[in-house]
Amino acid sequence: MASLLLKLREQNKQLTLVWGLLLALTLFSAAFAEQGASGALLVVFVCISFAVKGSLVTERLMGLYTAIGNARWLMLAYFVVLPILIGGAILFPDLVVRVTTL
């Protein structure tokens, strides 16, 4: 019984730490946006923030780090591939036009 309580207490500490990190990233993002930042630096920061926050939620809050099968890898790939595609499209629009023009 005591070992179970210790395990639950440790898990609670980890979840609180992850929640605090997510909150800090969100507050930093809001402060960054309030400063009027724009351009490539903002795009890169938003994409990195999205990837980090998504992987934290997937791994720790959803508990997929223990999942068997492809669910974990699909979710993690989503939070890596999507920001790369969106950031690339915003930072290099001419390249996207060239690649997608018939």
PDB file of N, CA and C in Angstrom:
ATOM      1  N   MET A   1       0.820  -1.194   0.000  1.00  0.00           N
ATOM      2  CA  MET A   1       0.000   0.000   0.000  1.00  0.00           C
ATOM      3  C   MET A   1       0.869   1.265   0.000  1.00  0.00           C
ATOM      4  N   ALA A   2       1.913   1.245   0.823  1.00  0.00           N
ATOM      5  CA  ALA A   2       2.791   2.412   0.909  1.00  0.00           C
ATOM      6  C   ALA A   2       3.539   2.633  -0.400  1.00  0.00           C
ATOM      7  N   SER A   3       3.948   1.539  -1.056  1.00  0.00           N
ATOM      8  CA  SER A   3       4.660   1.686  -2.326  1.00  0.00           C
ATOM      9  C   SER A   3       3.740   2.241  -3.408  1.00  0.00           C
ATOM     10  N   LEU A   4       2.463   1.876  -3.361  1.00  0.00           N
ATOM     11  CA  LEU A   4       1.495   2.411  -4.315  1.00  0.00           C
ATOM     12  C   LEU A   4       1.317   3.908  -4.112  1.00  0.00           C
ATOM     13  N   LEU A   5       1.237   4.326  -2.854  1.00  0.00           N
ATOM     14  CA  LEU A   5       1.105   5.755  -2.561  1.00  0.00           C
ATOM     15  C   LEU A   5       2.332   6.531  -3.020  1.00  0.00           C
ATOM     16  N   LEU A   6       3.510   5.958  -2.816  1.00  0.00           N
ATOM     17  CA  LEU A   6       4.736   6.613  -3.281  1.00  0.00           C
ATOM     18  C   LEU A   6       4.762   6.726  -4.801  1.00  0.00           C
ATOM     19  N   LYS A   7       4.313   5.674  -5.471  1.00  0.00           N
ATOM     20  CA  LYS A   7       4.271   5.684  -6.933  1.00  0.00           C
ATOM     21  C   LYS A   7       3.287   6.740  -7.434  1.00  0.00           C
ATOM     22  N   LEU A   8       2.115   6.812  -6.823  1.00  0.00           N
ATOM     23  CA  LEU A   8       1.122   7.817  -7.214  1.00  0.00           C
ATOM     24  C   LEU A   8       1.625   9.227  -6.944  1.00  0.00           C
ATOM     25  N   ARG A   9       2.312   9.411  -5.836  1.00  0.00           N
ATOM     26  CA  ARG A   9       2.861  10.727  -5.507  1.00  0.00           C
ATOM     27  C   ARG A   9       3.916  11.146  -6.537  1.00  0.00           C
ATOM     28  N   GLU A  10       4.754  10.200  -6.955  1.00  0.00           N
ATOM     29  CA  GLU A  10       5.777  10.484  -7.969  1.00  0.00           C
ATOM     30  C   GLU A  10       5.135  10.826  -9.310  1.00  0.00           C
ATOM     31  N   GLN A  11       4.095  10.077  -9.693  1.00  0.00           N
ATOM     32  CA  GLN A  11       3.387  10.371 -10.940  1.00  0.00           C
ATOM     33  C   GLN A  11       2.741  11.746 -10.875  1.00  0.00           C
ATOM     34  N   ASN A  12       2.191  12.098  -9.714  1.00  0.00           N
ATOM     35  CA  ASN A  12       1.572  13.405  -9.544  1.00  0.00           C
ATOM     36  C   ASN A  12       2.606  14.514  -9.702  1.00  0.00           C
ATOM     37  N   LYS A  13       3.802  14.308  -9.164  1.00  0.00           N
ATOM     38  CA  LYS A  13       4.875  15.297  -9.312  1.00  0.00           C
ATOM     39  C   LYS A  13       5.261  15.465 -10.782  1.00  0.00           C
ATOM     40  N   GLN A  14       5.356  14.347 -11.499  1.00  0.00           N
ATOM     41  CA  GLN A  14       5.715  14.413 -12.918  1.00  0.00           C
ATOM     42  C   GLN A  14       4.643  15.142 -13.721  1.00  0.00           C
ATOM     43  N   LEU A  15       3.375  14.830 -13.455  1.00  0.00           N
ATOM     44  CA  LEU A  15       2.288  15.495 -14.173  1.00  0.00           C
ATOM     45  C   LEU A  15       2.249  16.984 -13.859  1.00  0.00           C
ATOM     46  N   THR A  16       2.501  17.337 -12.610  1.00  0.00           N
ATOM     47  CA  THR A  16       2.531  18.747 -12.233  1.00  0.00           C
ATOM     48  C   THR A  16       3.676  19.468 -12.937  1.00  0.00           C
ATOM     49  N   LEU A  17       4.816  18.820 -13.042  1.00  0.00           N
ATOM     50  CA  LEU A  17       5.958  19.404 -13.745  1.00  0.00           C
ATOM     51  C   LEU A  17       5.643  19.614 -15.226  1.00  0.00           C
ATOM     52  N   VAL A  18       5.027  18.623 -15.857  1.00  0.00           N
ATOM     53  CA  VAL A  18       4.649  18.743 -17.273  1.00  0.00           C
ATOM     54  C   VAL A  18       3.631  19.858 -17.445  1.00  0.00           C
ATOM     55  N   TRP A  19       2.641  19.910 -16.564  1.00  0.00           N
ATOM     56  CA  TRP A  19       1.634  20.963 -16.642  1.00  0.00           C
ATOM     57  C   TRP A  19       2.287  22.336 -16.497  1.00  0.00           C
ATOM     58  N   GLY A  20       3.216  22.470 -15.560  1.00  0.00           N
ATOM     59  CA  GLY A  20       3.921  23.738 -15.381  1.00  0.00           C
ATOM     60  C   GLY A  20       4.732  24.123 -16.609  1.00  0.00           C
ATOM     61  N   LEU A  21       5.367  23.144 -17.235  1.00  0.00           N
ATOM     62  CA  LEU A  21       6.134  23.409 -18.454  1.00  0.00           C
ATOM     63  C   LEU A  21       5.216  23.854 -19.592  1.00  0.00           C
ATOM     64  N   LEU A  22       4.067  23.197 -19.725  1.00  0.00           N
ATOM     65  CA  LEU A  22       3.093  23.604 -20.744  1.00  0.00           C
ATOM     66  C   LEU A  22       2.599  25.024 -20.484  1.00  0.00           C
ATOM     67  N   LEU A  23       2.331  25.330 -19.236  1.00  0.00           N
ATOM     68  CA  LEU A  23       1.882  26.669 -18.869  1.00  0.00           C
ATOM     69  C   LEU A  23       2.966  27.708 -19.165  1.00  0.00           C
ATOM     70  N   ALA A  24       4.215  27.388 -18.828  1.00  0.00           N
ATOM     71  CA  ALA A  24       5.322  28.311 -19.090  1.00  0.00           C
ATOM     72  C   ALA A  24       5.503  28.554 -20.587  1.00  0.00           C
ATOM     73  N   LEU A  25       5.416  27.499 -21.388  1.00  0.00           N
ATOM     74  CA  LEU A  25       5.523  27.665 -22.844  1.00  0.00           C
ATOM     75  C   LEU A  25       4.401  28.540 -23.383  1.00  0.00           C
ATOM     76  N   THR A  26       3.195  28.342 -22.865  1.00  0.00           N
ATOM     77  CA  THR A  26       2.059  29.143 -23.306  1.00  0.00           C
ATOM     78  C   THR A  26       2.235  30.605 -22.916  1.00  0.00           C
ATOM     79  N   LEU A  27       2.653  30.857 -21.689  1.00  0.00           N
ATOM     80  CA  LEU A  27       2.866  32.234 -21.243  1.00  0.00           C
ATOM     81  C   LEU A  27       3.998  32.903 -22.022  1.00  0.00           C
ATOM     82  N   PHE A  28       5.066  32.171 -22.275  1.00  0.00           N
ATOM     83  CA  PHE A  28       6.172  32.716 -23.054  1.00  0.00           C
ATOM     84  C   PHE A  28       5.717  33.025 -24.479  1.00  0.00           C
ATOM     85  N   SER A  29       4.889  32.165 -25.050  1.00  0.00           N
ATOM     86  CA  SER A  29       4.355  32.403 -26.395  1.00  0.00           C
ATOM     87  C   SER A  29       3.503  33.662 -26.422  1.00  0.00           C
ATOM     88  N   ALA A  30       2.656  33.821 -25.409  1.00  0.00           N
ATOM     89  CA  ALA A  30       1.805  35.009 -25.342  1.00  0.00           C
ATOM     90  C   ALA A  30       2.643  36.274 -25.181  1.00  0.00           C
ATOM     91  N   ALA A  31       3.657  36.229 -24.333  1.00  0.00           N
ATOM     92  CA  ALA A  31       4.528  37.390 -24.145  1.00  0.00           C
ATOM     93  C   ALA A  31       5.298  37.705 -25.421  1.00  0.00           C
ATOM     94  N   PHE A  32       5.747  36.676 -26.108  1.00  0.00           N
ATOM     95  CA  PHE A  32       6.474  36.840 -27.368  1.00  0.00           C
ATOM     96  C   PHE A  32       5.583  37.510 -28.411  1.00  0.00           C
ATOM     97  N   ALA A  33       4.323  37.084 -28.482  1.00  0.00           N
ATOM     98  CA  ALA A  33       3.383  37.664 -29.444  1.00  0.00           C
ATOM     99  C   ALA A  33       3.030  39.105 -29.076  1.00  0.00           C
ATOM    100  N   GLU A  34       2.929  39.394 -27.790  1.00  0.00           N
ATOM    101  CA  GLU A  34       2.595  40.745 -27.344  1.00  0.00           C
ATOM    102  C   GLU A  34       3.698  41.746 -27.664  1.00  0.00           C
ATOM    103  N   GLN A  35       4.915  41.288 -27.812  1.00  0.00           N
ATOM    104  CA  GLN A  35       6.026  42.172 -28.136  1.00  0.00           C
ATOM    105  C   GLN A  35       5.984  42.626 -29.589  1.00  0.00           C
ATOM    106  N   GLY A  36       5.069  42.062 -30.352  1.00  0.00           N
ATOM    107  CA  GLY A  36       4.941  42.448 -31.748  1.00  0.00           C
ATOM    108  C   GLY A  36       5.925  41.749 -32.659  1.00  0.00           C
ATOM    109  N   ALA A  37       6.428  40.630 -32.229  1.00  0.00           N
ATOM    110  CA  ALA A  37       7.374  39.881 -33.057  1.00  0.00           C
ATOM    111  C   ALA A  37       6.671  39.367 -34.305  1.00  0.00           C
ATOM    112  N   SER A  38       7.396  39.339 -35.382  1.00  0.00           N
ATOM    113  CA  SER A  38       6.834  38.806 -36.621  1.00  0.00           C
ATOM    114  C   SER A  38       7.974  38.228 -37.450  1.00  0.00           C
ATOM    115  N   GLY A  39       7.597  37.611 -38.529  1.00  0.00           N
ATOM    116  CA  GLY A  39       8.603  37.087 -39.434  1.00  0.00           C
ATOM    117  C   GLY A  39       9.040  35.677 -39.107  1.00  0.00           C
ATOM    118  N   ALA A  40      10.227  35.362 -39.591  1.00  0.00           N
ATOM    119  CA  ALA A  40      10.743  33.996 -39.502  1.00  0.00           C
ATOM    120  C   ALA A  40      10.947  33.546 -38.061  1.00  0.00           C
ATOM    121  N   LEU A  41      11.399  34.438 -37.203  1.00  0.00           N
ATOM    122  CA  LEU A  41      11.638  34.062 -35.810  1.00  0.00           C
ATOM    123  C   LEU A  41      10.347  33.615 -35.133  1.00  0.00           C
ATOM    124  N   LEU A  42       9.274  34.334 -35.380  1.00  0.00           N
ATOM    125  CA  LEU A  42       7.982  33.974 -34.799  1.00  0.00           C
ATOM    126  C   LEU A  42       7.495  32.635 -35.330  1.00  0.00           C
ATOM    127  N   VAL A  43       7.629  32.417 -36.627  1.00  0.00           N
ATOM    128  CA  VAL A  43       7.189  31.152 -37.233  1.00  0.00           C
ATOM    129  C   VAL A  43       7.963  29.983 -36.643  1.00  0.00           C
ATOM    130  N   VAL A  44       9.264  30.122 -36.538  1.00  0.00           N
ATOM    131  CA  VAL A  44      10.092  29.047 -35.980  1.00  0.00           C
ATOM    132  C   VAL A  44       9.719  28.791 -34.523  1.00  0.00           C
ATOM    133  N   PHE A  45       9.541  29.853 -33.752  1.00  0.00           N
ATOM    134  CA  PHE A  45       9.180  29.682 -32.345  1.00  0.00           C
ATOM    135  C   PHE A  45       7.828  28.998 -32.190  1.00  0.00           C
ATOM    136  N   VAL A  46       6.845  29.415 -32.965  1.00  0.00           N
ATOM    137  CA  VAL A  46       5.513  28.804 -32.876  1.00  0.00           C
ATOM    138  C   VAL A  46       5.575  27.331 -33.264  1.00  0.00           C
ATOM    139  N   CYS A  47       6.306  27.006 -34.307  1.00  0.00           N
ATOM    140  CA  CYS A  47       6.416  25.602 -34.736  1.00  0.00           C
ATOM    141  C   CYS A  47       7.118  24.745 -33.687  1.00  0.00           C
ATOM    142  N   ILE A  48       8.180  25.258 -33.107  1.00  0.00           N
ATOM    143  CA  ILE A  48       8.882  24.503 -32.062  1.00  0.00           C
ATOM    144  C   ILE A  48       7.998  24.352 -30.828  1.00  0.00           C
ATOM    145  N   SER A  49       7.325  25.431 -30.451  1.00  0.00           N
ATOM    146  CA  SER A  49       6.430  25.375 -29.298  1.00  0.00           C
ATOM    147  C   SER A  49       5.312  24.361 -29.515  1.00  0.00           C
ATOM    148  N   PHE A  50       4.736  24.352 -30.717  1.00  0.00           N
ATOM    149  CA  PHE A  50       3.676  23.397 -31.060  1.00  0.00           C
ATOM    150  C   PHE A  50       4.183  21.965 -30.952  1.00  0.00           C
ATOM    151  N   ALA A  51       5.372  21.713 -31.470  1.00  0.00           N
ATOM    152  CA  ALA A  51       5.934  20.356 -31.439  1.00  0.00           C
ATOM    153  C   ALA A  51       6.233  19.909 -30.009  1.00  0.00           C
ATOM    154  N   VAL A  52       6.821  20.782 -29.214  1.00  0.00           N
ATOM    155  CA  VAL A  52       7.161  20.426 -27.833  1.00  0.00           C
ATOM    156  C   VAL A  52       5.899  20.203 -27.012  1.00  0.00           C
ATOM    157  N   LYS A  53       4.951  21.128 -27.121  1.00  0.00           N
ATOM    158  CA  LYS A  53       3.718  20.987 -26.346  1.00  0.00           C
ATOM    159  C   LYS A  53       2.934  19.756 -26.781  1.00  0.00           C
ATOM    160  N   GLY A  54       2.871  19.509 -28.063  1.00  0.00           N
ATOM    161  CA  GLY A  54       2.160  18.331 -28.552  1.00  0.00           C
ATOM    162  C   GLY A  54       2.785  17.037 -28.080  1.00  0.00           C
ATOM    163  N   SER A  55       4.112  16.979 -28.107  1.00  0.00           N
ATOM    164  CA  SER A  55       4.767  15.747 -27.656  1.00  0.00           C
ATOM    165  C   SER A  55       4.621  15.564 -26.146  1.00  0.00           C
ATOM    166  N   LEU A  56       4.657  16.647 -25.379  1.00  0.00           N
ATOM    167  CA  LEU A  56       4.438  16.530 -23.936  1.00  0.00           C
ATOM    168  C   LEU A  56       3.035  16.022 -23.620  1.00  0.00           C
ATOM    169  N   VAL A  57       2.050  16.575 -24.302  1.00  0.00           N
ATOM    170  CA  VAL A  57       0.672  16.125 -24.074  1.00  0.00           C
ATOM    171  C   VAL A  57       0.518  14.667 -24.475  1.00  0.00           C
ATOM    172  N   THR A  58       1.065  14.308 -25.635  1.00  0.00           N
ATOM    173  CA  THR A  58       0.949  12.932 -26.124  1.00  0.00           C
ATOM    174  C   THR A  58       1.646  11.946 -25.197  1.00  0.00           C
ATOM    175  N   GLU A  59       2.870  12.240 -24.842  1.00  0.00           N
ATOM    176  CA  GLU A  59       3.669  11.305 -24.057  1.00  0.00           C
ATOM    177  C   GLU A  59       3.234  11.242 -22.596  1.00  0.00           C
ATOM    178  N   ARG A  60       3.062  12.373 -21.976  1.00  0.00           N
ATOM    179  CA  ARG A  60       2.871  12.401 -20.522  1.00  0.00           C
ATOM    180  C   ARG A  60       1.407  12.501 -20.097  1.00  0.00           C
ATOM    181  N   LEU A  61       0.660  13.443 -20.660  1.00  0.00           N
ATOM    182  CA  LEU A  61      -0.709  13.621 -20.192  1.00  0.00           C
ATOM    183  C   LEU A  61      -1.649  12.557 -20.738  1.00  0.00           C
ATOM    184  N   MET A  62      -1.449  12.151 -21.991  1.00  0.00           N
ATOM    185  CA  MET A  62      -2.270  11.080 -22.556  1.00  0.00           C
ATOM    186  C   MET A  62      -1.721   9.706 -22.190  1.00  0.00           C
ATOM    187  N   GLY A  63      -0.481   9.645 -21.773  1.00  0.00           N
ATOM    188  CA  GLY A  63       0.120   8.389 -21.357  1.00  0.00           C
ATOM    189  C   GLY A  63       0.485   7.454 -22.491  1.00  0.00           C
ATOM    190  N   LEU A  64       0.694   7.992 -23.688  1.00  0.00           N
ATOM    191  CA  LEU A  64       1.008   7.129 -24.823  1.00  0.00           C
ATOM    192  C   LEU A  64       2.448   6.623 -24.823  1.00  0.00           C
ATOM    193  N   TYR A  65       3.263   7.064 -23.876  1.00  0.00           N
ATOM    194  CA  TYR A  65       4.635   6.542 -23.825  1.00  0.00           C
ATOM    195  C   TYR A  65       4.646   5.057 -23.489  1.00  0.00           C
ATOM    196  N   THR A  66       3.549   4.546 -22.953  1.00  0.00           N
ATOM    197  CA  THR A  66       3.456   3.110 -22.665  1.00  0.00           C
ATOM    198  C   THR A  66       2.619   2.366 -23.693  1.00  0.00           C
ATOM    199  N   ALA A  67       2.129   3.073 -24.704  1.00  0.00           N
ATOM    200  CA  ALA A  67       1.240   2.444 -25.685  1.00  0.00           C
ATOM    201  C   ALA A  67       1.994   1.456 -26.565  1.00  0.00           C
ATOM    202  N   ILE A  68       1.310   0.382 -26.866  1.00  0.00           N
ATOM    203  CA  ILE A  68       1.860  -0.626 -27.766  1.00  0.00           C
ATOM    204  C   ILE A  68       1.255  -0.381 -29.144  1.00  0.00           C
ATOM    205  N   GLY A  69       2.085  -0.442 -30.155  1.00  0.00           N
ATOM    206  CA  GLY A  69       1.573  -0.259 -31.505  1.00  0.00           C
ATOM    207  C   GLY A  69       1.916   1.094 -32.081  1.00  0.00           C
ATOM    208  N   ASN A  70       1.140   1.472 -33.075  1.00  0.00           N
ATOM    209  CA  ASN A  70       1.466   2.663 -33.852  1.00  0.00           C
ATOM    210  C   ASN A  70       0.819   3.945 -33.353  1.00  0.00           C
ATOM    211  N   ALA A  71      -0.067   3.879 -32.382  1.00  0.00           N
ATOM    212  CA  ALA A  71      -0.773   5.081 -31.929  1.00  0.00           C
ATOM    213  C   ALA A  71       0.200   6.153 -31.456  1.00  0.00           C
ATOM    214  N   ARG A  72       1.171   5.755 -30.664  1.00  0.00           N
ATOM    215  CA  ARG A  72       2.146   6.711 -30.139  1.00  0.00           C
ATOM    216  C   ARG A  72       2.945   7.355 -31.264  1.00  0.00           C
ATOM    217  N   TRP A  73       3.428   6.540 -32.188  1.00  0.00           N
ATOM    218  CA  TRP A  73       4.281   7.061 -33.262  1.00  0.00           C
ATOM    219  C   TRP A  73       3.497   7.927 -34.228  1.00  0.00           C
ATOM    220  N   LEU A  74       2.234   7.601 -34.468  1.00  0.00           N
ATOM    221  CA  LEU A  74       1.405   8.443 -35.332  1.00  0.00           C
ATOM    222  C   LEU A  74       1.178   9.813 -34.707  1.00  0.00           C
ATOM    223  N   MET A  75       0.890   9.838 -33.417  1.00  0.00           N
ATOM    224  CA  MET A  75       0.671  11.117 -32.740  1.00  0.00           C
ATOM    225  C   MET A  75       1.956  11.946 -32.703  1.00  0.00           C
ATOM    226  N   LEU A  76       3.072  11.313 -32.387  1.00  0.00           N
ATOM    227  CA  LEU A  76       4.336  12.049 -32.346  1.00  0.00           C
ATOM    228  C   LEU A  76       4.730  12.556 -33.731  1.00  0.00           C
ATOM    229  N   ALA A  77       4.496  11.745 -34.753  1.00  0.00           N
ATOM    230  CA  ALA A  77       4.799  12.173 -36.123  1.00  0.00           C
ATOM    231  C   ALA A  77       3.946  13.373 -36.511  1.00  0.00           C
ATOM    232  N   TYR A  78       2.689  13.373 -36.087  1.00  0.00           N
ATOM    233  CA  TYR A  78       1.796  14.501 -36.371  1.00  0.00           C
ATOM    234  C   TYR A  78       2.384  15.795 -35.817  1.00  0.00           C
ATOM    235  N   PHE A  79       2.898  15.746 -34.596  1.00  0.00           N
ATOM    236  CA  PHE A  79       3.415  16.954 -33.962  1.00  0.00           C
ATOM    237  C   PHE A  79       4.817  17.326 -34.426  1.00  0.00           C
ATOM    238  N   VAL A  80       5.430  16.508 -35.251  1.00  0.00           N
ATOM    239  CA  VAL A  80       6.724  16.849 -35.846  1.00  0.00           C
ATOM    240  C   VAL A  80       6.541  17.259 -37.304  1.00  0.00           C
ATOM    241  N   VAL A  81       5.780  16.471 -38.050  1.00  0.00           N
ATOM    242  CA  VAL A  81       5.618  16.715 -39.487  1.00  0.00           C
ATOM    243  C   VAL A  81       4.784  17.966 -39.752  1.00  0.00           C
ATOM    244  N   LEU A  82       3.687  18.138 -39.033  1.00  0.00           N
ATOM    245  CA  LEU A  82       2.806  19.282 -39.288  1.00  0.00           C
ATOM    246  C   LEU A  82       3.507  20.629 -39.110  1.00  0.00           C
ATOM    247  N   PRO A  83       4.232  20.878 -38.011  1.00  0.00           N
ATOM    248  CA  PRO A  83       4.914  22.170 -37.913  1.00  0.00           C
ATOM    249  C   PRO A  83       5.987  22.374 -38.976  1.00  0.00           C
ATOM    250  N   ILE A  84       6.638  21.292 -39.395  1.00  0.00           N
ATOM    251  CA  ILE A  84       7.636  21.423 -40.460  1.00  0.00           C
ATOM    252  C   ILE A  84       6.958  21.844 -41.758  1.00  0.00           C
ATOM    253  N   LEU A  85       5.837  21.219 -42.080  1.00  0.00           N
ATOM    254  CA  LEU A  85       5.118  21.575 -43.309  1.00  0.00           C
ATOM    255  C   LEU A  85       4.570  22.996 -43.255  1.00  0.00           C
ATOM    256  N   ILE A  86       3.949  23.362 -42.144  1.00  0.00           N
ATOM    257  CA  ILE A  86       3.375  24.706 -42.021  1.00  0.00           C
ATOM    258  C   ILE A  86       4.480  25.756 -42.008  1.00  0.00           C
ATOM    259  N   GLY A  87       5.520  25.527 -41.208  1.00  0.00           N
ATOM    260  CA  GLY A  87       6.633  26.479 -41.161  1.00  0.00           C
ATOM    261  C   GLY A  87       7.320  26.618 -42.504  1.00  0.00           C
ATOM    262  N   GLY A  88       7.517  25.500 -43.190  1.00  0.00           N
ATOM    263  CA  GLY A  88       8.126  25.548 -44.519  1.00  0.00           C
ATOM    264  C   GLY A  88       7.279  26.314 -45.514  1.00  0.00           C
ATOM    265  N   ALA A  89       5.964  26.128 -45.453  1.00  0.00           N
ATOM    266  CA  ALA A  89       5.069  26.838 -46.369  1.00  0.00           C
ATOM    267  C   ALA A  89       5.062  28.337 -46.099  1.00  0.00           C
ATOM    268  N   ILE A  90       5.165  28.723 -44.832  1.00  0.00           N
ATOM    269  CA  ILE A  90       5.164  30.145 -44.495  1.00  0.00           C
ATOM    270  C   ILE A  90       6.517  30.786 -44.800  1.00  0.00           C
ATOM    271  N   LEU A  91       7.595  30.081 -44.497  1.00  0.00           N
ATOM    272  CA  LEU A  91       8.927  30.657 -44.691  1.00  0.00           C
ATOM    273  C   LEU A  91       9.399  30.617 -46.141  1.00  0.00           C
ATOM    274  N   PHE A  92       8.928  29.628 -46.893  1.00  0.00           N
ATOM    275  CA  PHE A  92       9.378  29.461 -48.282  1.00  0.00           C
ATOM    276  C   PHE A  92       8.187  29.333 -49.236  1.00  0.00           C
ATOM    277  N   PRO A  93       7.372  30.382 -49.365  1.00  0.00           N
ATOM    278  CA  PRO A  93       6.177  30.277 -50.215  1.00  0.00           C
ATOM    279  C   PRO A  93       6.512  30.085 -51.697  1.00  0.00           C
ATOM    280  N   ASP A  94       7.601  30.666 -52.166  1.00  0.00           N
ATOM    281  CA  ASP A  94       7.969  30.512 -53.578  1.00  0.00           C
ATOM    282  C   ASP A  94       8.299  29.060 -53.907  1.00  0.00           C
ATOM    283  N   LEU A  95       8.955  28.392 -53.004  1.00  0.00           N
ATOM    284  CA  LEU A  95       9.267  26.979 -53.197  1.00  0.00           C
ATOM    285  C   LEU A  95       7.989  26.143 -53.256  1.00  0.00           C
ATOM    286  N   VAL A  96       7.038  26.460 -52.399  1.00  0.00           N
ATOM    287  CA  VAL A  96       5.760  25.732 -52.406  1.00  0.00           C
ATOM    288  C   VAL A  96       5.039  25.946 -53.728  1.00  0.00           C
ATOM    289  N   VAL A  97       5.068  27.173 -54.235  1.00  0.00           N
ATOM    290  CA  VAL A  97       4.422  27.460 -55.524  1.00  0.00           C
ATOM    291  C   VAL A  97       5.095  26.668 -56.637  1.00  0.00           C
ATOM    292  N   ARG A  98       6.423  26.656 -56.651  1.00  0.00           N
ATOM    293  CA  ARG A  98       7.142  25.906 -57.691  1.00  0.00           C
ATOM    294  C   ARG A  98       6.864  24.412 -57.621  1.00  0.00           C
ATOM    295  N   VAL A  99       6.810  23.879 -56.437  1.00  0.00           N
ATOM    296  CA  VAL A  99       6.603  22.437 -56.272  1.00  0.00           C
ATOM    297  C   VAL A  99       5.177  22.032 -56.629  1.00  0.00           C
ATOM    298  N   THR A 100       4.216  22.897 -56.357  1.00  0.00           N
ATOM    299  CA  THR A 100       2.813  22.523 -56.562  1.00  0.00           C
ATOM    300  C   THR A 100       2.227  23.005 -57.882  1.00  0.00           C
ATOM    301  N   THR A 101       2.990  23.735 -58.677  1.00  0.00           N
ATOM    302  CA  THR A 101       2.489  24.207 -59.967  1.00  0.00           C
ATOM    303  C   THR A 101       2.654  23.116 -61.014  1.00  0.00           C
ATOM    304  N   LEU A 102       1.593  22.929 -61.788  1.00  0.00           N
ATOM    305  CA  LEU A 102       1.634  21.905 -62.843  1.00  0.00           C
ATOM    306  C   LEU A 102       2.433  22.363 -64.031  1.00  0.00           C
TER     307      LEU A 102
END
